[in-house]
Each structure stands twice: as C-alpha cells, then as structure tokens.
Amino acid sequence: MIRIRHNGVERSVEAEGFGSLADLVRFCCEEGGLGEEVVVDCRVNGMALDEERIANLAAVPIDQIAELEMETRAPAAIALSSLSSSRDYTDRVREAFQRTASLLREGKVEDANQLYADAIDALSVLVYAISTAGQQLGETAEPLCRVHAEVNPWLDELLQAQQIRDWVRVADYLEYEVEPILADWGRRIDGVRRECGEAVHV
C-alpha cells in the first residue's frame, strides 16, 4: 500500500498493477478528474526527486515506495505561468536593446557590443519561451507562434550593419524597428493571457 498526497489530497493505493511511478501518477490524475497533468514537484519516501528524475518517472520503480507526495499542474496552467514571466522578460530585453542604442550613439561601441551580445542571448531564451507556451495553449495563442519567424529578418539586418561597423544604423534599427516589435510582443502576450482568463495588470 502506498500512501499518497497529491495536490494536498491524501489517499492510499495498492502498488500492484503499476509498472512504474509514471503509471501511478497517471492513475492519480485520472482518478482525480484532472486529465493530463505535469509533475512539478515530487517526493518519494520523503526524498525530493530532482528535475531529471521527474522528467523520467517511467524509469522509477514503485516496489520500494511507501509514501508519495506530489504536485501536478495542467500544461495550460504552466504555459500561462511561463507567459507571465515572459512578459516581464520582454520588457527587460527591450530595455537592454534601448541601452545598447544609447551606448552606440555615445560612441561606447565596446560596451554596446557586450550588452548587445547579452541581449541577443536573452532574446533567444525569450523567443523559445513564448513559442513553446503559444504551442501549448493552442489556437488562442496563435499570435505568439509567429514570433520565431519574425526574429530572423531583423537579426540579419542588424548583422549586416554590424559587419560594416555602421553603428548609427544599428542604433536606429534597434530603436525604430526592434523596440516596436518587442512592444508588440508584450501586447500580444497580454492579449493571450486575457483570452485565457488570467488577470493582467498594465
């Protein structure tokens, strides 16, 4: 018998018939009427599982499990949470590009290039997060699924300007092309969050 605490609800389940911890988690979600859920936290016999083991619950046998405590969330809820974080991150990336443009206009090219490189790395993370959340939320988030395709054209434009060391052109492009695009991404994220019923403070 395994004592289970799932999202705060306690129950006991016979271990027989379950091949792995993944099977048991699936059973608990179905019995709770939750449908497909993602495990976000899991403790077995009081010991927390790390992210790698949580991602591979099918490899965790249950024959030695006496107590299981876990928290699960719907994929859509996780996607919305990711979008909330992405919204804040979008503003920070915008600010980094704005600061880059200012440094270039001040002639501080070395400082600007370092900040630009960091901002591009942050942009890659942002695009992935927005696109992934958009795919998870389905048709409601269709406006977010286009961000990946929108990035490459202006990255190419910036690269060309950098290669010929046209820093005024880089600064102009960051301020007058990139900044409005990122602002639009923020508005799209807010719109999707509203469509999904999440409170949005602007």
C-alpha atoms as a PDB file:
ATOM      1  CA  MET A   1       0.000   0.000   0.000  1.00  0.00           C
ATOM      2  CA  ILE A   2       1.320   3.422  -0.974  1.00  0.00           C
ATOM      3  CA  ARG A   3       0.263   6.497   0.966  1.00  0.00           C
ATOM      4  CA  ILE A   4      -0.193   9.351  -1.500  1.00  0.00           C
ATOM      5  CA  ARG A   5      -0.599  13.086  -1.064  1.00  0.00           C
ATOM      6  CA  HIS A   6      -1.499  14.602  -4.437  1.00  0.00           C
ATOM      7  CA  ASN A   7      -2.026  18.362  -4.605  1.00  0.00           C
ATOM      8  CA  GLY A   8      -2.846  18.285  -0.903  1.00  0.00           C
ATOM      9  CA  VAL A   9      -5.360  15.425  -1.140  1.00  0.00           C
ATOM     10  CA  GLU A  10      -4.440  12.221   0.683  1.00  0.00           C
ATOM     11  CA  ARG A  11      -5.298   8.671  -0.337  1.00  0.00           C
ATOM     12  CA  SER A  12      -3.860   5.147  -0.289  1.00  0.00           C
ATOM     13  CA  VAL A  13      -3.352   2.945  -3.341  1.00  0.00           C
ATOM     14  CA  GLU A  14      -2.262  -0.648  -3.771  1.00  0.00           C
ATOM     15  CA  ALA A  15       1.059  -0.816  -5.610  1.00  0.00           C
ATOM     16  CA  GLU A  16       0.118  -3.900  -7.597  1.00  0.00           C
ATOM     17  CA  GLY A  17      -0.644  -3.310 -11.247  1.00  0.00           C
ATOM     18  CA  PHE A  18       1.614  -0.291 -11.685  1.00  0.00           C
ATOM     19  CA  GLY A  19       4.815  -0.819 -13.632  1.00  0.00           C
ATOM     20  CA  SER A  20       6.425   2.484 -12.735  1.00  0.00           C
ATOM     21  CA  LEU A  21       5.907   5.751 -10.930  1.00  0.00           C
ATOM     22  CA  ALA A  22       4.706   7.277 -14.208  1.00  0.00           C
ATOM     23  CA  ASP A  23       1.828   4.773 -14.299  1.00  0.00           C
ATOM     24  CA  LEU A  24       0.871   5.629 -10.729  1.00  0.00           C
ATOM     25  CA  VAL A  25       0.964   9.377 -11.410  1.00  0.00           C
ATOM     26  CA  ARG A  26      -1.223   8.918 -14.489  1.00  0.00           C
ATOM     27  CA  PHE A  27      -3.702   6.870 -12.449  1.00  0.00           C
ATOM     28  CA  CYS A  28      -3.887   9.509  -9.708  1.00  0.00           C
ATOM     29  CA  CYS A  29      -4.515  12.293 -12.220  1.00  0.00           C
ATOM     30  CA  GLU A  30      -7.236  10.321 -13.990  1.00  0.00           C
ATOM     31  CA  GLU A  31      -8.907   9.319 -10.734  1.00  0.00           C
ATOM     32  CA  GLY A  32      -8.854  12.936  -9.629  1.00  0.00           C
ATOM     33  CA  GLY A  33     -10.548  14.021 -12.847  1.00  0.00           C
ATOM     34  CA  LEU A  34      -7.556  16.143 -13.786  1.00  0.00           C
ATOM     35  CA  GLY A  35      -6.730  14.706 -17.186  1.00  0.00           C
ATOM     36  CA  GLU A  36      -3.175  15.122 -18.420  1.00  0.00           C
ATOM     37  CA  GLU A  37      -1.013  16.838 -15.810  1.00  0.00           C
ATOM     38  CA  VAL A  38       2.662  17.699 -15.461  1.00  0.00           C
ATOM     39  CA  VAL A  39       4.537  16.800 -12.283  1.00  0.00           C
ATOM     40  CA  VAL A  40       6.182  19.937 -10.908  1.00  0.00           C
ATOM     41  CA  ASP A  41       7.281  18.556  -7.540  1.00  0.00           C
ATOM     42  CA  CYS A  42       7.645  15.006  -6.255  1.00  0.00           C
ATOM     43  CA  ARG A  43       8.860  13.373  -3.046  1.00  0.00           C
ATOM     44  CA  VAL A  44       9.305   9.643  -2.634  1.00  0.00           C
ATOM     45  CA  ASN A  45       9.587   8.356   0.930  1.00  0.00           C
ATOM     46  CA  GLY A  46      10.329  11.922   1.999  1.00  0.00           C
ATOM     47  CA  MET A  47      13.132  12.432  -0.534  1.00  0.00           C
ATOM     48  CA  ALA A  48      12.697  15.040  -3.279  1.00  0.00           C
ATOM     49  CA  LEU A  49      13.254  13.887  -6.844  1.00  0.00           C
ATOM     50  CA  ASP A  50      15.407  16.154  -8.989  1.00  0.00           C
ATOM     51  CA  GLU A  51      14.218  17.546 -12.328  1.00  0.00           C
ATOM     52  CA  GLU A  52      15.952  14.807 -14.297  1.00  0.00           C
ATOM     53  CA  ARG A  53      14.160  12.029 -12.423  1.00  0.00           C
ATOM     54  CA  ILE A  54      10.832  13.860 -12.553  1.00  0.00           C
ATOM     55  CA  ALA A  55      11.234  14.074 -16.317  1.00  0.00           C
ATOM     56  CA  ASN A  56      11.745  10.299 -16.462  1.00  0.00           C
ATOM     57  CA  LEU A  57       9.227   8.864 -13.996  1.00  0.00           C
ATOM     58  CA  ALA A  58       8.796   5.813 -16.209  1.00  0.00           C
ATOM     59  CA  ALA A  59      12.254   4.714 -15.041  1.00  0.00           C
ATOM     60  CA  VAL A  60      11.335   4.937 -11.346  1.00  0.00           C
ATOM     61  CA  PRO A  61      10.106   1.574  -9.961  1.00  0.00           C
ATOM     62  CA  ILE A  62       7.427   1.634  -7.294  1.00  0.00           C
ATOM     63  CA  ASP A  63       8.229  -1.540  -5.377  1.00  0.00           C
ATOM     64  CA  GLN A  64      10.154   0.412  -2.719  1.00  0.00           C
ATOM     65  CA  ILE A  65       7.727   3.332  -2.476  1.00  0.00           C
ATOM     66  CA  ALA A  66       5.755   3.614   0.761  1.00  0.00           C
ATOM     67  CA  GLU A  67       4.944   7.326   0.623  1.00  0.00           C
ATOM     68  CA  LEU A  68       4.471   9.609  -2.361  1.00  0.00           C
ATOM     69  CA  GLU A  69       3.878  13.340  -2.227  1.00  0.00           C
ATOM     70  CA  MET A  70       3.478  15.216  -5.482  1.00  0.00           C
ATOM     71  CA  GLU A  71       2.195  18.398  -7.019  1.00  0.00           C
ATOM     72  CA  THR A  72       0.893  18.401 -10.571  1.00  0.00           C
ATOM     73  CA  ARG A  73      -0.375  21.170 -12.807  1.00  0.00           C
ATOM     74  CA  ALA A  74      -2.205  21.294 -16.112  1.00  0.00           C
ATOM     75  CA  PRO A  75       0.064  22.050 -19.092  1.00  0.00           C
ATOM     76  CA  ALA A  76      -2.020  25.132 -19.922  1.00  0.00           C
ATOM     77  CA  ALA A  77      -1.536  26.499 -16.402  1.00  0.00           C
ATOM     78  CA  ILE A  78       2.212  26.035 -16.715  1.00  0.00           C
ATOM     79  CA  ALA A  79       2.166  27.729 -20.121  1.00  0.00           C
ATOM     80  CA  LEU A  80       0.284  30.720 -18.694  1.00  0.00           C
ATOM     81  CA  SER A  81       2.766  30.976 -15.849  1.00  0.00           C
ATOM     82  CA  SER A  82       5.583  30.926 -18.399  1.00  0.00           C
ATOM     83  CA  LEU A  83       3.873  33.694 -20.370  1.00  0.00           C
ATOM     84  CA  SER A  84       3.625  35.841 -17.261  1.00  0.00           C
ATOM     85  CA  SER A  85       7.379  35.526 -16.765  1.00  0.00           C
ATOM     86  CA  SER A  86       7.981  36.096 -20.477  1.00  0.00           C
ATOM     87  CA  ARG A  87       6.020  39.343 -20.314  1.00  0.00           C
ATOM     88  CA  ASP A  88       8.405  40.765 -17.725  1.00  0.00           C
ATOM     89  CA  TYR A  89      11.383  39.367 -19.604  1.00  0.00           C
ATOM     90  CA  THR A  90      10.213  41.069 -22.812  1.00  0.00           C
ATOM     91  CA  ASP A  91      10.438  44.455 -21.120  1.00  0.00           C
ATOM     92  CA  ARG A  92      13.939  43.711 -19.841  1.00  0.00           C
ATOM     93  CA  VAL A  93      15.132  42.699 -23.309  1.00  0.00           C
ATOM     94  CA  ARG A  94      13.614  45.879 -24.749  1.00  0.00           C
ATOM     95  CA  GLU A  95      15.446  47.952 -22.152  1.00  0.00           C
ATOM     96  CA  ALA A  96      18.723  46.186 -22.959  1.00  0.00           C
ATOM     97  CA  PHE A  97      18.378  46.977 -26.658  1.00  0.00           C
ATOM     98  CA  GLN A  98      17.433  50.580 -25.880  1.00  0.00           C
ATOM     99  CA  ARG A  99      20.513  50.922 -23.682  1.00  0.00           C
ATOM    100  CA  THR A 100      22.628  49.374 -26.451  1.00  0.00           C
ATOM    101  CA  ALA A 101      21.390  52.006 -28.895  1.00  0.00           C
ATOM    102  CA  SER A 102      22.187  54.783 -26.417  1.00  0.00           C
ATOM    103  CA  LEU A 103      25.725  53.479 -25.874  1.00  0.00           C
ATOM    104  CA  LEU A 104      26.311  53.328 -29.624  1.00  0.00           C
ATOM    105  CA  ARG A 105      25.188  56.938 -30.027  1.00  0.00           C
ATOM    106  CA  GLU A 106      27.613  57.896 -27.245  1.00  0.00           C
ATOM    107  CA  GLY A 107      30.440  56.178 -29.111  1.00  0.00           C
ATOM    108  CA  LYS A 108      30.856  53.464 -26.473  1.00  0.00           C
ATOM    109  CA  VAL A 109      30.971  50.685 -29.028  1.00  0.00           C
ATOM    110  CA  GLU A 110      32.749  48.071 -26.916  1.00  0.00           C
ATOM    111  CA  ASP A 111      30.266  48.421 -24.046  1.00  0.00           C
ATOM    112  CA  ALA A 112      27.381  48.425 -26.507  1.00  0.00           C
ATOM    113  CA  ASN A 113      28.552  45.250 -28.228  1.00  0.00           C
ATOM    114  CA  GLN A 114      28.865  43.399 -24.915  1.00  0.00           C
ATOM    115  CA  LEU A 115      25.375  44.446 -23.863  1.00  0.00           C
ATOM    116  CA  TYR A 116      24.056  43.594 -27.320  1.00  0.00           C
ATOM    117  CA  ALA A 117      25.524  40.072 -27.120  1.00  0.00           C
ATOM    118  CA  ASP A 118      23.880  39.530 -23.729  1.00  0.00           C
ATOM    119  CA  ALA A 119      20.572  40.878 -25.041  1.00  0.00           C
ATOM    120  CA  ILE A 120      20.679  38.537 -28.047  1.00  0.00           C
ATOM    121  CA  ASP A 121      21.220  35.566 -25.717  1.00  0.00           C
ATOM    122  CA  ALA A 122      18.264  36.722 -23.628  1.00  0.00           C
ATOM    123  CA  LEU A 123      16.207  37.150 -26.787  1.00  0.00           C
ATOM    124  CA  SER A 124      16.824  33.516 -27.765  1.00  0.00           C
ATOM    125  CA  VAL A 125      15.513  32.364 -24.384  1.00  0.00           C
ATOM    126  CA  LEU A 126      12.522  34.684 -24.698  1.00  0.00           C
ATOM    127  CA  VAL A 127      11.572  33.513 -28.192  1.00  0.00           C
ATOM    128  CA  TYR A 128      11.759  29.874 -27.125  1.00  0.00           C
ATOM    129  CA  ALA A 129       9.611  30.501 -24.031  1.00  0.00           C
ATOM    130  CA  ILE A 130       6.952  32.448 -25.935  1.00  0.00           C
ATOM    131  CA  SER A 131       6.790  29.970 -28.819  1.00  0.00           C
ATOM    132  CA  THR A 132       6.614  26.944 -26.522  1.00  0.00           C
ATOM    133  CA  ALA A 133       3.856  28.469 -24.397  1.00  0.00           C
ATOM    134  CA  GLY A 134       1.982  29.505 -27.520  1.00  0.00           C
ATOM    135  CA  GLN A 135       2.055  25.986 -28.925  1.00  0.00           C
ATOM    136  CA  GLN A 136       0.810  24.579 -25.623  1.00  0.00           C
ATOM    137  CA  LEU A 137      -2.150  26.971 -25.457  1.00  0.00           C
ATOM    138  CA  GLY A 138      -3.391  26.170 -28.966  1.00  0.00           C
ATOM    139  CA  GLU A 139      -5.464  28.450 -31.200  1.00  0.00           C
ATOM    140  CA  THR A 140      -5.935  31.083 -28.511  1.00  0.00           C
ATOM    141  CA  ALA A 141      -2.207  31.760 -28.566  1.00  0.00           C
ATOM    142  CA  GLU A 142      -1.753  31.671 -32.344  1.00  0.00           C
ATOM    143  CA  PRO A 143      -0.413  35.276 -32.361  1.00  0.00           C
ATOM    144  CA  LEU A 144       2.515  34.098 -30.243  1.00  0.00           C
ATOM    145  CA  CYS A 145       3.523  31.254 -32.537  1.00  0.00           C
ATOM    146  CA  ARG A 146       4.800  33.719 -35.143  1.00  0.00           C
ATOM    147  CA  VAL A 147       7.485  35.357 -33.008  1.00  0.00           C
ATOM    148  CA  HIS A 148      10.174  32.875 -34.015  1.00  0.00           C
ATOM    149  CA  ALA A 149       9.709  33.645 -37.713  1.00  0.00           C
ATOM    150  CA  GLU A 150       9.690  37.383 -37.027  1.00  0.00           C
ATOM    151  CA  VAL A 151      13.119  37.419 -35.397  1.00  0.00           C
ATOM    152  CA  ASN A 152      15.388  36.243 -38.212  1.00  0.00           C
ATOM    153  CA  PRO A 153      14.804  39.107 -40.698  1.00  0.00           C
ATOM    154  CA  TRP A 154      15.808  41.842 -38.286  1.00  0.00           C
ATOM    155  CA  LEU A 155      18.679  39.825 -36.854  1.00  0.00           C
ATOM    156  CA  ASP A 156      20.043  39.558 -40.400  1.00  0.00           C
ATOM    157  CA  GLU A 157      19.622  43.307 -40.868  1.00  0.00           C
ATOM    158  CA  LEU A 158      21.486  44.036 -37.640  1.00  0.00           C
ATOM    159  CA  LEU A 159      24.271  41.619 -38.542  1.00  0.00           C
ATOM    160  CA  GLN A 160      24.815  43.332 -41.877  1.00  0.00           C
ATOM    161  CA  ALA A 161      25.056  46.727 -40.186  1.00  0.00           C
ATOM    162  CA  GLN A 162      27.488  45.351 -37.604  1.00  0.00           C
ATOM    163  CA  GLN A 163      29.719  43.810 -40.241  1.00  0.00           C
ATOM    164  CA  ILE A 164      30.288  47.181 -41.900  1.00  0.00           C
ATOM    165  CA  ARG A 165      30.512  48.900 -38.494  1.00  0.00           C
ATOM    166  CA  ASP A 166      27.616  51.197 -39.246  1.00  0.00           C
ATOM    167  CA  TRP A 167      26.795  51.862 -35.599  1.00  0.00           C
ATOM    168  CA  VAL A 168      24.301  54.630 -36.353  1.00  0.00           C
ATOM    169  CA  ARG A 169      22.338  52.204 -38.494  1.00  0.00           C
ATOM    170  CA  VAL A 170      22.455  49.583 -35.725  1.00  0.00           C
ATOM    171  CA  ALA A 171      21.234  52.110 -33.149  1.00  0.00           C
ATOM    172  CA  ASP A 172      18.462  53.338 -35.444  1.00  0.00           C
ATOM    173  CA  TYR A 173      17.326  49.812 -36.190  1.00  0.00           C
ATOM    174  CA  LEU A 174      17.254  48.868 -32.517  1.00  0.00           C
ATOM    175  CA  GLU A 175      15.242  51.952 -31.596  1.00  0.00           C
ATOM    176  CA  TYR A 176      12.866  52.266 -34.528  1.00  0.00           C
ATOM    177  CA  GLU A 177      12.399  48.663 -35.665  1.00  0.00           C
ATOM    178  CA  VAL A 178      13.246  46.226 -32.878  1.00  0.00           C
ATOM    179  CA  GLU A 179      11.779  48.190 -29.963  1.00  0.00           C
ATOM    180  CA  PRO A 180       8.284  48.427 -31.536  1.00  0.00           C
ATOM    181  CA  ILE A 181       8.357  44.709 -32.379  1.00  0.00           C
ATOM    182  CA  LEU A 182       9.156  43.769 -28.784  1.00  0.00           C
ATOM    183  CA  ALA A 183       6.483  46.169 -27.541  1.00  0.00           C
ATOM    184  CA  ASP A 184       4.015  44.398 -29.833  1.00  0.00           C
ATOM    185  CA  TRP A 185       5.079  41.025 -28.414  1.00  0.00           C
ATOM    186  CA  GLY A 186       4.249  42.331 -24.962  1.00  0.00           C
ATOM    187  CA  ARG A 187       0.784  43.393 -26.106  1.00  0.00           C
ATOM    188  CA  ARG A 188       0.220  40.004 -27.741  1.00  0.00           C
ATOM    189  CA  ILE A 189       1.200  38.200 -24.551  1.00  0.00           C
ATOM    190  CA  ASP A 190      -1.205  40.354 -22.538  1.00  0.00           C
ATOM    191  CA  GLY A 191      -3.959  39.649 -25.061  1.00  0.00           C
ATOM    192  CA  VAL A 192      -3.473  35.890 -24.888  1.00  0.00           C
ATOM    193  CA  ARG A 193      -3.393  35.935 -21.107  1.00  0.00           C
ATOM    194  CA  ARG A 194      -6.682  37.851 -21.073  1.00  0.00           C
ATOM    195  CA  GLU A 195      -8.220  35.401 -23.548  1.00  0.00           C
ATOM    196  CA  CYS A 196      -7.233  32.588 -21.210  1.00  0.00           C
ATOM    197  CA  GLY A 197      -8.899  34.334 -18.286  1.00  0.00           C
ATOM    198  CA  GLU A 198      -5.772  35.441 -16.457  1.00  0.00           C
ATOM    199  CA  ALA A 199      -5.706  38.811 -14.723  1.00  0.00           C
ATOM    200  CA  VAL A 200      -3.302  41.166 -16.485  1.00  0.00           C
ATOM    201  CA  HIS A 201      -2.067  44.371 -14.879  1.00  0.00           C
ATOM    202  CA  VAL A 202      -0.779  47.045 -17.248  1.00  0.00           C
END
